[in-house]
Protein backbone atom coordinates (compact mmCIF):
# COMPACT_ATOMS: atom_id res chain seq x y z
CA UNK A 1 -2.85 29.95 -5.84
CA UNK A 2 -3.29 27.48 -8.66
CA UNK A 3 -1.95 23.96 -8.43
CA UNK A 4 0.55 24.64 -11.22
CA UNK A 5 1.93 27.67 -9.40
CA UNK A 6 2.23 25.73 -6.14
CA UNK A 7 4.18 22.98 -7.89
CA UNK A 8 6.45 25.54 -9.58
CA UNK A 9 7.02 27.23 -6.22
CA UNK A 10 8.12 23.98 -4.57
CA UNK A 11 10.27 22.99 -7.55
CA UNK A 12 12.05 26.32 -7.12
CA UNK A 13 12.60 25.55 -3.44
CA UNK A 14 14.54 22.42 -4.41
CA UNK A 15 17.43 24.79 -5.20
CA UNK A 16 17.44 26.43 -1.77
CA UNK A 17 20.77 26.39 0.05
CA UNK A 18 19.19 25.00 3.24
CA UNK A 19 18.68 21.25 3.49
CA UNK A 20 15.51 21.59 5.57
CA UNK A 21 13.87 23.78 2.93
CA UNK A 22 14.74 21.30 0.17
CA UNK A 23 13.39 18.42 2.29
CA UNK A 24 10.16 20.30 2.93
CA UNK A 25 9.78 21.07 -0.78
CA UNK A 26 10.21 17.37 -1.62
CA UNK A 27 7.47 16.44 0.86
CA UNK A 28 5.13 19.07 -0.55
CA UNK A 29 5.68 17.86 -4.12
CA UNK A 30 4.69 14.34 -3.07
CA UNK A 31 1.58 15.66 -1.29
CA UNK A 32 0.67 17.53 -4.48
CA UNK A 33 1.18 14.37 -6.61
CA UNK A 34 3.50 16.52 -8.73
CA UNK A 35 4.68 14.00 -11.30
CA UNK A 36 5.94 16.94 -13.37
CA UNK A 37 8.71 17.34 -10.78
CA UNK A 38 10.26 13.94 -11.54
CA UNK A 39 13.17 15.28 -13.58
CA UNK A 40 13.92 17.91 -10.92
CA UNK A 41 13.90 15.25 -8.21
CA UNK A 42 16.17 13.02 -10.28
CA UNK A 43 18.63 15.89 -10.71
CA UNK A 44 18.52 16.55 -6.96
CA UNK A 45 19.11 12.86 -6.25
CA UNK A 46 22.14 12.82 -8.55
CA UNK A 47 23.78 16.07 -7.43
CA UNK A 48 22.75 17.16 -3.94
CA UNK A 49 25.48 17.24 -1.30
CA UNK A 50 23.13 16.14 1.51
CA UNK A 51 22.57 12.41 1.93
CA UNK A 52 19.19 13.08 3.58
CA UNK A 53 18.03 15.19 0.65
CA UNK A 54 19.23 12.59 -1.87
CA UNK A 55 17.35 9.85 0.00
CA UNK A 56 14.19 11.94 0.19
CA UNK A 57 14.42 12.79 -3.52
CA UNK A 58 14.87 9.11 -4.36
CA UNK A 59 11.87 8.04 -2.26
CA UNK A 60 9.71 10.84 -3.64
CA UNK A 61 10.77 9.97 -7.18
CA UNK A 62 9.72 6.36 -6.68
CA UNK A 63 6.30 7.39 -5.37
CA UNK A 64 5.68 9.91 -8.11
CA UNK A 65 6.94 7.59 -10.84
CA UNK A 66 4.55 4.87 -9.65
CA UNK A 67 1.73 7.42 -9.70
CA UNK A 68 2.65 8.46 -13.23
CA UNK A 69 2.64 4.83 -14.41
CA UNK A 70 -0.79 4.34 -12.84
CA UNK A 71 -2.14 7.47 -14.51
CA UNK A 72 -0.71 6.40 -17.87
CA UNK A 73 -2.25 2.94 -17.51
CA UNK A 74 -5.65 4.40 -16.66
CA UNK A 75 -5.56 6.57 -19.79
CA UNK A 76 -5.13 3.57 -22.09
């Protein structure tokens, strides 16, 4: 499975009804350095009913945003 497909798979799992599946998807997106998931994580942080999921999305968003800034800086 290509990296893009793996990221898309885990982004899709962010909409699962089970908290544990959403938490696992968040962890996988961080492991994949999936900066393309930032907007999905932000949406999850703003709207999810689970405090644990919102916290995980916030932490993952911070990590991935920092990675994106680093990548952007290295491209200059």
